[in-house]
PDB file of all heavy atoms in Angstrom:
ATOM      1  N   ALA A   1      -9.982   8.864  17.022  1.00  0.00           N
ATOM      2  CA  ALA A   1     -10.320   9.233  18.398  1.00  0.00           C
ATOM      3  C   ALA A   1      -9.591   8.342  19.402  1.00  0.00           C
ATOM      4  O   ALA A   1      -9.217   8.786  20.489  1.00  0.00           O
ATOM      5  CB  ALA A   1     -11.827   9.142  18.605  1.00  0.00           C
ATOM      6  N   GLU A   2      -9.361   7.085  19.031  1.00  0.00           N
ATOM      7  CA  GLU A   2      -8.691   6.155  19.937  1.00  0.00           C
ATOM      8  C   GLU A   2      -7.174   6.280  19.871  1.00  0.00           C
ATOM      9  O   GLU A   2      -6.496   6.208  20.894  1.00  0.00           O
ATOM     10  CB  GLU A   2      -9.103   4.721  19.596  1.00  0.00           C
ATOM     11  CG  GLU A   2     -10.566   4.408  19.859  1.00  0.00           C
ATOM     12  CD  GLU A   2     -10.909   2.966  19.505  1.00  0.00           C
ATOM     13  OE1 GLU A   2      -9.986   2.220  19.112  1.00  0.00           O
ATOM     14  OE2 GLU A   2     -12.096   2.595  19.631  1.00  0.00           O
ATOM     15  N   THR A   3      -6.628   6.466  18.669  1.00  0.00           N
ATOM     16  CA  THR A   3      -5.172   6.452  18.499  1.00  0.00           C
ATOM     17  C   THR A   3      -4.539   7.828  18.602  1.00  0.00           C
ATOM     18  O   THR A   3      -3.344   7.941  18.903  1.00  0.00           O
ATOM     19  CB  THR A   3      -4.802   5.867  17.124  1.00  0.00           C
ATOM     20  OG1 THR A   3      -5.330   6.707  16.089  1.00  0.00           O
ATOM     21  CG2 THR A   3      -5.388   4.464  16.976  1.00  0.00           C
ATOM     22  N   GLY A   4      -5.318   8.880  18.339  1.00  0.00           N
ATOM     23  CA  GLY A   4      -4.734  10.214  18.328  1.00  0.00           C
ATOM     24  C   GLY A   4      -3.819  10.435  17.134  1.00  0.00           C
ATOM     25  O   GLY A   4      -2.923  11.281  17.194  1.00  0.00           O
ATOM     26  N   ARG A   5      -4.065   9.700  16.056  1.00  0.00           N
ATOM     27  CA  ARG A   5      -3.235   9.837  14.856  1.00  0.00           C
ATOM     28  C   ARG A   5      -4.126  10.068  13.644  1.00  0.00           C
ATOM     29  O   ARG A   5      -5.209   9.478  13.539  1.00  0.00           O
ATOM     30  CB  ARG A   5      -2.399   8.573  14.629  1.00  0.00           C
ATOM     31  CG  ARG A   5      -1.313   8.344  15.652  1.00  0.00           C
ATOM     32  CD  ARG A   5      -0.416   7.185  15.242  1.00  0.00           C
ATOM     33  NE  ARG A   5      -1.131   5.926  15.256  1.00  0.00           N
ATOM     34  CZ  ARG A   5      -1.193   5.098  16.309  1.00  0.00           C
ATOM     35  NH1 ARG A   5      -0.560   5.414  17.421  1.00  0.00           N
ATOM     36  NH2 ARG A   5      -1.867   3.971  16.227  1.00  0.00           N
ATOM     37  N   PRO A   6      -3.677  10.898  12.701  1.00  0.00           N
ATOM     38  CA  PRO A   6      -4.461  11.128  11.480  1.00  0.00           C
ATOM     39  C   PRO A   6      -4.326   9.955  10.518  1.00  0.00           C
ATOM     40  O   PRO A   6      -3.463   9.091  10.675  1.00  0.00           O
ATOM     41  CB  PRO A   6      -3.826  12.387  10.896  1.00  0.00           C
ATOM     42  CG  PRO A   6      -2.400  12.328  11.355  1.00  0.00           C
ATOM     43  CD  PRO A   6      -2.426  11.689  12.723  1.00  0.00           C
ATOM     44  N   HIS A   7      -5.183   9.927   9.509  1.00  0.00           N
ATOM     45  CA  HIS A   7      -5.082   8.935   8.444  1.00  0.00           C
ATOM     46  C   HIS A   7      -4.081   9.441   7.412  1.00  0.00           C
ATOM     47  O   HIS A   7      -4.284  10.499   6.810  1.00  0.00           O
ATOM     48  CB  HIS A   7      -6.446   8.705   7.790  1.00  0.00           C
ATOM     49  CG  HIS A   7      -7.463   8.142   8.723  1.00  0.00           C
ATOM     50  ND1 HIS A   7      -8.816   8.193   8.480  1.00  0.00           N
ATOM     51  CD2 HIS A   7      -7.331   7.493   9.908  1.00  0.00           C
ATOM     52  CE1 HIS A   7      -9.473   7.606   9.469  1.00  0.00           C
ATOM     53  NE2 HIS A   7      -8.585   7.185  10.349  1.00  0.00           N
ATOM     54  N   LEU A   8      -3.016   8.681   7.179  1.00  0.00           N
ATOM     55  CA  LEU A   8      -1.952   9.120   6.288  1.00  0.00           C
ATOM     56  C   LEU A   8      -1.611   8.030   5.281  1.00  0.00           C
ATOM     57  O   LEU A   8      -1.695   6.839   5.583  1.00  0.00           O
ATOM     58  CB  LEU A   8      -0.695   9.482   7.091  1.00  0.00           C
ATOM     59  CG  LEU A   8      -0.863  10.644   8.079  1.00  0.00           C
ATOM     60  CD1 LEU A   8       0.371  10.773   8.957  1.00  0.00           C
ATOM     61  CD2 LEU A   8      -1.130  11.950   7.335  1.00  0.00           C
ATOM     62  N   ILE A   9      -1.214   8.445   4.087  1.00  0.00           N
ATOM     63  CA  ILE A   9      -0.852   7.508   3.027  1.00  0.00           C
ATOM     64  C   ILE A   9       0.497   6.880   3.339  1.00  0.00           C
ATOM     65  O   ILE A   9       1.469   7.582   3.624  1.00  0.00           O
ATOM     66  CB  ILE A   9      -0.813   8.219   1.662  1.00  0.00           C
ATOM     67  CG1 ILE A   9      -2.208   8.727   1.287  1.00  0.00           C
ATOM     68  CG2 ILE A   9      -0.287   7.288   0.571  1.00  0.00           C
ATOM     69  CD1 ILE A   9      -2.248   9.562   0.025  1.00  0.00           C
ATOM     70  N   THR A  10       0.559   5.561   3.304  1.00  0.00           N
ATOM     71  CA  THR A  10       1.791   4.833   3.620  1.00  0.00           C
ATOM     72  C   THR A  10       2.488   4.269   2.389  1.00  0.00           C
ATOM     73  O   THR A  10       3.683   3.966   2.443  1.00  0.00           O
ATOM     74  CB  THR A  10       1.489   3.672   4.583  1.00  0.00           C
ATOM     75  OG1 THR A  10       0.472   2.833   3.995  1.00  0.00           O
ATOM     76  CG2 THR A  10       1.006   4.192   5.920  1.00  0.00           C
ATOM     77  N   ASP A  11       1.750   4.110   1.293  1.00  0.00           N
ATOM     78  CA  ASP A  11       2.377   3.544   0.100  1.00  0.00           C
ATOM     79  C   ASP A  11       1.582   3.949  -1.128  1.00  0.00           C
ATOM     80  O   ASP A  11       0.349   4.092  -1.073  1.00  0.00           O
ATOM     81  CB  ASP A  11       2.447   2.019   0.179  1.00  0.00           C
ATOM     82  CG  ASP A  11       3.213   1.414  -0.983  1.00  0.00           C
ATOM     83  OD1 ASP A  11       4.434   1.630  -1.049  1.00  0.00           O
ATOM     84  OD2 ASP A  11       2.595   0.745  -1.825  1.00  0.00           O
ATOM     85  N   VAL A  12       2.291   4.125  -2.228  1.00  0.00           N
ATOM     86  CA  VAL A  12       1.655   4.396  -3.516  1.00  0.00           C
ATOM     87  C   VAL A  12       2.364   3.557  -4.559  1.00  0.00           C
ATOM     88  O   VAL A  12       3.587   3.520  -4.625  1.00  0.00           O
ATOM     89  CB  VAL A  12       1.710   5.898  -3.866  1.00  0.00           C
ATOM     90  CG1 VAL A  12       3.131   6.427  -3.849  1.00  0.00           C
ATOM     91  CG2 VAL A  12       1.058   6.159  -5.213  1.00  0.00           C
ATOM     92  N   LEU A  13       1.585   2.827  -5.331  1.00  0.00           N
ATOM     93  CA  LEU A  13       2.118   1.929  -6.355  1.00  0.00           C
ATOM     94  C   LEU A  13       1.448   2.247  -7.684  1.00  0.00           C
ATOM     95  O   LEU A  13       0.233   2.383  -7.754  1.00  0.00           O
ATOM     96  CB  LEU A  13       1.864   0.474  -5.970  1.00  0.00           C
ATOM     97  CG  LEU A  13       2.340  -0.601  -6.953  1.00  0.00           C
ATOM     98  CD1 LEU A  13       3.859  -0.580  -7.071  1.00  0.00           C
ATOM     99  CD2 LEU A  13       1.868  -1.979  -6.516  1.00  0.00           C
ATOM    100  N   THR A  14       2.259   2.368  -8.735  1.00  0.00           N
ATOM    101  CA  THR A  14       1.750   2.684 -10.064  1.00  0.00           C
ATOM    102  C   THR A  14       2.006   1.514 -11.004  1.00  0.00           C
ATOM    103  O   THR A  14       3.112   0.976 -11.038  1.00  0.00           O
ATOM    104  CB  THR A  14       2.431   3.942 -10.626  1.00  0.00           C
ATOM    105  OG1 THR A  14       2.361   4.990  -9.658  1.00  0.00           O
ATOM    106  CG2 THR A  14       1.756   4.394 -11.909  1.00  0.00           C
ATOM    107  N   THR A  15       0.993   1.117 -11.737  1.00  0.00           N
ATOM    108  CA  THR A  15       1.122   0.040 -12.724  1.00  0.00           C
ATOM    109  C   THR A  15       0.510   0.510 -14.035  1.00  0.00           C
ATOM    110  O   THR A  15      -0.149   1.549 -14.087  1.00  0.00           O
ATOM    111  CB  THR A  15       0.393  -1.232 -12.262  1.00  0.00           C
ATOM    112  OG1 THR A  15      -1.031  -0.992 -12.262  1.00  0.00           O
ATOM    113  CG2 THR A  15       0.835  -1.655 -10.864  1.00  0.00           C
ATOM    114  N   ASP A  16       0.717  -0.266 -15.098  1.00  0.00           N
ATOM    115  CA  ASP A  16      -0.003   0.069 -16.322  1.00  0.00           C
ATOM    116  C   ASP A  16      -1.467  -0.328 -16.161  1.00  0.00           C
ATOM    117  O   ASP A  16      -1.843  -1.026 -15.220  1.00  0.00           O
ATOM    118  CB  ASP A  16       0.644  -0.596 -17.545  1.00  0.00           C
ATOM    119  CG  ASP A  16       0.426  -2.099 -17.609  1.00  0.00           C
ATOM    120  OD1 ASP A  16      -0.734  -2.521 -17.732  1.00  0.00           O
ATOM    121  OD2 ASP A  16       1.418  -2.848 -17.559  1.00  0.00           O
ATOM    122  N   ALA A  17      -2.301   0.134 -17.064  1.00  0.00           N
ATOM    123  CA  ALA A  17      -3.753   0.017 -16.899  1.00  0.00           C
ATOM    124  C   ALA A  17      -4.266  -1.408 -16.962  1.00  0.00           C
ATOM    125  O   ALA A  17      -5.395  -1.675 -16.552  1.00  0.00           O
ATOM    126  CB  ALA A  17      -4.463   0.861 -17.959  1.00  0.00           C
ATOM    127  N   THR A  18      -3.471  -2.356 -17.460  1.00  0.00           N
ATOM    128  CA  THR A  18      -3.968  -3.717 -17.643  1.00  0.00           C
ATOM    129  C   THR A  18      -3.736  -4.611 -16.431  1.00  0.00           C
ATOM    130  O   THR A  18      -4.249  -5.722 -16.382  1.00  0.00           O
ATOM    131  CB  THR A  18      -3.294  -4.372 -18.858  1.00  0.00           C
ATOM    132  OG1 THR A  18      -1.886  -4.531 -18.596  1.00  0.00           O
ATOM    133  CG2 THR A  18      -3.486  -3.543 -20.104  1.00  0.00           C
ATOM    134  N   VAL A  19      -2.953  -4.166 -15.454  1.00  0.00           N
ATOM    135  CA  VAL A  19      -2.589  -5.020 -14.321  1.00  0.00           C
ATOM    136  C   VAL A  19      -3.780  -5.178 -13.386  1.00  0.00           C
ATOM    137  O   VAL A  19      -4.366  -4.185 -12.917  1.00  0.00           O
ATOM    138  CB  VAL A  19      -1.385  -4.443 -13.565  1.00  0.00           C
ATOM    139  CG1 VAL A  19      -1.066  -5.284 -12.326  1.00  0.00           C
ATOM    140  CG2 VAL A  19      -0.167  -4.386 -14.484  1.00  0.00           C
ATOM    141  N   ASN A  20      -4.119  -6.423 -13.081  1.00  0.00           N
ATOM    142  CA  ASN A  20      -5.233  -6.712 -12.184  1.00  0.00           C
ATOM    143  C   ASN A  20      -4.881  -6.340 -10.753  1.00  0.00           C
ATOM    144  O   ASN A  20      -3.749  -6.521 -10.308  1.00  0.00           O
ATOM    145  CB  ASN A  20      -5.582  -8.202 -12.262  1.00  0.00           C
ATOM    146  CG  ASN A  20      -6.867  -8.527 -11.540  1.00  0.00           C
ATOM    147  OD1 ASN A  20      -6.879  -8.690 -10.327  1.00  0.00           O
ATOM    148  ND2 ASN A  20      -7.959  -8.634 -12.275  1.00  0.00           N
ATOM    149  N   ASP A  21      -5.869  -5.825 -10.014  1.00  0.00           N
ATOM    150  CA  ASP A  21      -5.624  -5.389  -8.634  1.00  0.00           C
ATOM    151  C   ASP A  21      -5.080  -6.510  -7.759  1.00  0.00           C
ATOM    152  O   ASP A  21      -4.205  -6.298  -6.922  1.00  0.00           O
ATOM    153  CB  ASP A  21      -6.912  -4.843  -8.017  1.00  0.00           C
ATOM    154  CG  ASP A  21      -7.327  -3.513  -8.616  1.00  0.00           C
ATOM    155  OD1 ASP A  21      -6.516  -2.922  -9.357  1.00  0.00           O
ATOM    156  OD2 ASP A  21      -8.462  -3.063  -8.357  1.00  0.00           O
ATOM    157  N   ALA A  22      -5.611  -7.727  -7.935  1.00  0.00           N
ATOM    158  CA  ALA A  22      -5.202  -8.843  -7.072  1.00  0.00           C
ATOM    159  C   ALA A  22      -3.719  -9.171  -7.231  1.00  0.00           C
ATOM    160  O   ALA A  22      -3.094  -9.688  -6.306  1.00  0.00           O
ATOM    161  CB  ALA A  22      -6.047 -10.072  -7.381  1.00  0.00           C
ATOM    162  N   VAL A  23      -3.143  -8.843  -8.383  1.00  0.00           N
ATOM    163  CA  VAL A  23      -1.745  -9.181  -8.638  1.00  0.00           C
ATOM    164  C   VAL A  23      -0.807  -8.357  -7.776  1.00  0.00           C
ATOM    165  O   VAL A  23       0.288  -8.812  -7.429  1.00  0.00           O
ATOM    166  CB  VAL A  23      -1.426  -8.974 -10.145  1.00  0.00           C
ATOM    167  CG1 VAL A  23       0.044  -9.177 -10.432  1.00  0.00           C
ATOM    168  CG2 VAL A  23      -2.270  -9.921 -10.987  1.00  0.00           C
ATOM    169  N   VAL A  24      -1.205  -7.138  -7.411  1.00  0.00           N
ATOM    170  CA  VAL A  24      -0.273  -6.212  -6.764  1.00  0.00           C
ATOM    171  C   VAL A  24      -0.339  -6.248  -5.242  1.00  0.00           C
ATOM    172  O   VAL A  24       0.502  -5.625  -4.582  1.00  0.00           O
ATOM    173  CB  VAL A  24      -0.525  -4.774  -7.242  1.00  0.00           C
ATOM    174  CG1 VAL A  24      -0.432  -4.675  -8.744  1.00  0.00           C
ATOM    175  CG2 VAL A  24      -1.872  -4.254  -6.764  1.00  0.00           C
ATOM    176  N   LEU A  25      -1.302  -6.944  -4.653  1.00  0.00           N
ATOM    177  CA  LEU A  25      -1.457  -6.879  -3.203  1.00  0.00           C
ATOM    178  C   LEU A  25      -0.229  -7.421  -2.474  1.00  0.00           C
ATOM    179  O   LEU A  25       0.229  -6.828  -1.488  1.00  0.00           O
ATOM    180  CB  LEU A  25      -2.705  -7.646  -2.764  1.00  0.00           C
ATOM    181  CG  LEU A  25      -3.126  -7.406  -1.298  1.00  0.00           C
ATOM    182  CD1 LEU A  25      -3.389  -5.938  -1.047  1.00  0.00           C
ATOM    183  CD2 LEU A  25      -4.357  -8.230  -0.944  1.00  0.00           C
ATOM    184  N   ASP A  26       0.331  -8.522  -2.959  1.00  0.00           N
ATOM    185  CA  ASP A  26       1.535  -9.054  -2.321  1.00  0.00           C
ATOM    186  C   ASP A  26       2.697  -8.077  -2.462  1.00  0.00           C
ATOM    187  O   ASP A  26       3.507  -7.910  -1.540  1.00  0.00           O
ATOM    188  CB  ASP A  26       1.899 -10.404  -2.941  1.00  0.00           C
ATOM    189  CG  ASP A  26       3.049 -11.080  -2.208  1.00  0.00           C
ATOM    190  OD1 ASP A  26       2.906 -11.334  -0.996  1.00  0.00           O
ATOM    191  OD2 ASP A  26       4.094 -11.335  -2.837  1.00  0.00           O
ATOM    192  N   GLN A  27       2.784  -7.403  -3.593  1.00  0.00           N
ATOM    193  CA  GLN A  27       3.832  -6.401  -3.795  1.00  0.00           C
ATOM    194  C   GLN A  27       3.659  -5.233  -2.826  1.00  0.00           C
ATOM    195  O   GLN A  27       4.644  -4.718  -2.275  1.00  0.00           O
ATOM    196  CB  GLN A  27       3.797  -5.893  -5.236  1.00  0.00           C
ATOM    197  CG  GLN A  27       4.932  -4.950  -5.595  1.00  0.00           C
ATOM    198  CD  GLN A  27       4.884  -4.504  -7.041  1.00  0.00           C
ATOM    199  OE1 GLN A  27       4.077  -4.992  -7.833  1.00  0.00           O
ATOM    200  NE2 GLN A  27       5.745  -3.570  -7.396  1.00  0.00           N
ATOM    201  N   ILE A  28       2.427  -4.816  -2.600  1.00  0.00           N
ATOM    202  CA  ILE A  28       2.161  -3.743  -1.638  1.00  0.00           C
ATOM    203  C   ILE A  28       2.603  -4.163  -0.241  1.00  0.00           C
ATOM    204  O   ILE A  28       3.222  -3.386   0.500  1.00  0.00           O
ATOM    205  CB  ILE A  28       0.679  -3.362  -1.658  1.00  0.00           C
ATOM    206  CG1 ILE A  28       0.321  -2.683  -2.989  1.00  0.00           C
ATOM    207  CG2 ILE A  28       0.326  -2.443  -0.497  1.00  0.00           C
ATOM    208  CD1 ILE A  28      -1.157  -2.429  -3.184  1.00  0.00           C
ATOM    209  N   HIS A  29       2.316  -5.400   0.124  1.00  0.00           N
ATOM    210  CA  HIS A  29       2.735  -5.888   1.445  1.00  0.00           C
ATOM    211  C   HIS A  29       4.251  -5.920   1.568  1.00  0.00           C
ATOM    212  O   HIS A  29       4.804  -5.584   2.621  1.00  0.00           O
ATOM    213  CB  HIS A  29       2.150  -7.285   1.692  1.00  0.00           C
ATOM    214  CG  HIS A  29       0.682  -7.266   1.976  1.00  0.00           C
ATOM    215  ND1 HIS A  29      -0.119  -8.374   1.826  1.00  0.00           N
ATOM    216  CD2 HIS A  29      -0.141  -6.264   2.375  1.00  0.00           C
ATOM    217  CE1 HIS A  29      -1.358  -8.067   2.143  1.00  0.00           C
ATOM    218  NE2 HIS A  29      -1.401  -6.795   2.475  1.00  0.00           N
ATOM    219  N   ASN A  30       4.932  -6.314   0.512  1.00  0.00           N
ATOM    220  CA  ASN A  30       6.396  -6.313   0.552  1.00  0.00           C
ATOM    221  C   ASN A  30       6.941  -4.900   0.719  1.00  0.00           C
ATOM    222  O   ASN A  30       7.914  -4.676   1.451  1.00  0.00           O
ATOM    223  CB  ASN A  30       6.960  -6.948  -0.721  1.00  0.00           C
ATOM    224  CG  ASN A  30       6.750  -8.445  -0.766  1.00  0.00           C
ATOM    225  OD1 ASN A  30       6.694  -9.115   0.268  1.00  0.00           O
ATOM    226  ND2 ASN A  30       6.634  -9.004  -1.967  1.00  0.00           N
ATOM    227  N   ARG A  31       6.348  -3.950   0.045  1.00  0.00           N
ATOM    228  CA  ARG A  31       6.799  -2.560   0.149  1.00  0.00           C
ATOM    229  C   ARG A  31       6.538  -2.019   1.557  1.00  0.00           C
ATOM    230  O   ARG A  31       7.388  -1.313   2.129  1.00  0.00           O
ATOM    231  CB  ARG A  31       6.079  -1.709  -0.898  1.00  0.00           C
ATOM    232  CG  ARG A  31       6.506  -2.017  -2.331  1.00  0.00           C
ATOM    233  CD  ARG A  31       5.512  -1.465  -3.348  1.00  0.00           C
ATOM    234  NE  ARG A  31       5.355  -0.033  -3.251  1.00  0.00           N
ATOM    235  CZ  ARG A  31       6.123   0.859  -3.878  1.00  0.00           C
ATOM    236  NH1 ARG A  31       7.095   0.436  -4.658  1.00  0.00           N
ATOM    237  NH2 ARG A  31       5.906   2.152  -3.752  1.00  0.00           N
ATOM    238  N   LEU A  32       5.375  -2.332   2.117  1.00  0.00           N
ATOM    239  CA  LEU A  32       5.076  -1.890   3.483  1.00  0.00           C
ATOM    240  C   LEU A  32       5.991  -2.567   4.502  1.00  0.00           C
ATOM    241  O   LEU A  32       6.398  -1.957   5.498  1.00  0.00           O
ATOM    242  CB  LEU A  32       3.613  -2.169   3.810  1.00  0.00           C
ATOM    243  CG  LEU A  32       2.582  -1.308   3.068  1.00  0.00           C
ATOM    244  CD1 LEU A  32       1.178  -1.815   3.329  1.00  0.00           C
ATOM    245  CD2 LEU A  32       2.705   0.157   3.478  1.00  0.00           C
ATOM    246  N   ARG A  33       6.330  -3.822   4.254  1.00  0.00           N
ATOM    247  CA  ARG A  33       7.257  -4.527   5.144  1.00  0.00           C
ATOM    248  C   ARG A  33       8.619  -3.841   5.153  1.00  0.00           C
ATOM    249  O   ARG A  33       9.242  -3.686   6.220  1.00  0.00           O
ATOM    250  CB  ARG A  33       7.394  -5.970   4.695  1.00  0.00           C
ATOM    251  CG  ARG A  33       8.356  -6.823   5.545  1.00  0.00           C
ATOM    252  CD  ARG A  33       8.779  -8.054   4.791  1.00  0.00           C
ATOM    253  NE  ARG A  33       9.445  -7.690   3.546  1.00  0.00           N
ATOM    254  CZ  ARG A  33       9.550  -8.496   2.498  1.00  0.00           C
ATOM    255  NH1 ARG A  33       9.027  -9.706   2.517  1.00  0.00           N
ATOM    256  NH2 ARG A  33      10.171  -8.084   1.398  1.00  0.00           N
ATOM    257  N   ASP A  34       9.095  -3.426   3.993  1.00  0.00           N
ATOM    258  CA  ASP A  34      10.393  -2.758   3.910  1.00  0.00           C
ATOM    259  C   ASP A  34      10.402  -1.436   4.664  1.00  0.00           C
ATOM    260  O   ASP A  34      11.467  -0.957   5.075  1.00  0.00           O
ATOM    261  CB  ASP A  34      10.770  -2.513   2.441  1.00  0.00           C
ATOM    262  CG  ASP A  34      11.005  -3.814   1.679  1.00  0.00           C
ATOM    263  OD1 ASP A  34      11.241  -4.851   2.349  1.00  0.00           O
ATOM    264  OD2 ASP A  34      10.941  -3.797   0.429  1.00  0.00           O
ATOM    265  N   LYS A  35       9.230  -0.839   4.859  1.00  0.00           N
ATOM    266  CA  LYS A  35       9.133   0.419   5.599  1.00  0.00           C
ATOM    267  C   LYS A  35       8.785   0.197   7.069  1.00  0.00           C
ATOM    268  O   LYS A  35       8.600   1.164   7.810  1.00  0.00           O
ATOM    269  CB  LYS A  35       8.051   1.311   4.980  1.00  0.00           C
ATOM    270  CG  LYS A  35       8.259   1.638   3.517  1.00  0.00           C
ATOM    271  CD  LYS A  35       7.043   2.381   2.961  1.00  0.00           C
ATOM    272  CE  LYS A  35       7.142   2.562   1.461  1.00  0.00           C
ATOM    273  NZ  LYS A  35       5.964   3.242   0.889  1.00  0.00           N
ATOM    274  N   ASP A  36       8.665  -1.084   7.480  1.00  0.00           N
ATOM    275  CA  ASP A  36       8.216  -1.424   8.834  1.00  0.00           C
ATOM    276  C   ASP A  36       6.829  -0.852   9.114  1.00  0.00           C
ATOM    277  O   ASP A  36       6.529  -0.410  10.230  1.00  0.00           O
ATOM    278  CB  ASP A  36       9.209  -0.923   9.891  1.00  0.00           C
ATOM    279  CG  ASP A  36      10.531  -1.662   9.836  1.00  0.00           C
ATOM    280  OD1 ASP A  36      10.519  -2.875   9.531  1.00  0.00           O
ATOM    281  OD2 ASP A  36      11.579  -1.041  10.091  1.00  0.00           O
TER     282      ASP A  36
END
């Protein structure tokens, strides 16, 4: 209501089933940084 923009997916990351969630957060930030 404030921004006038829909909620949209900005990144998707796939790992094998054993990878802990905390390990990938920095990688997600790097990927989002590359997309500005």
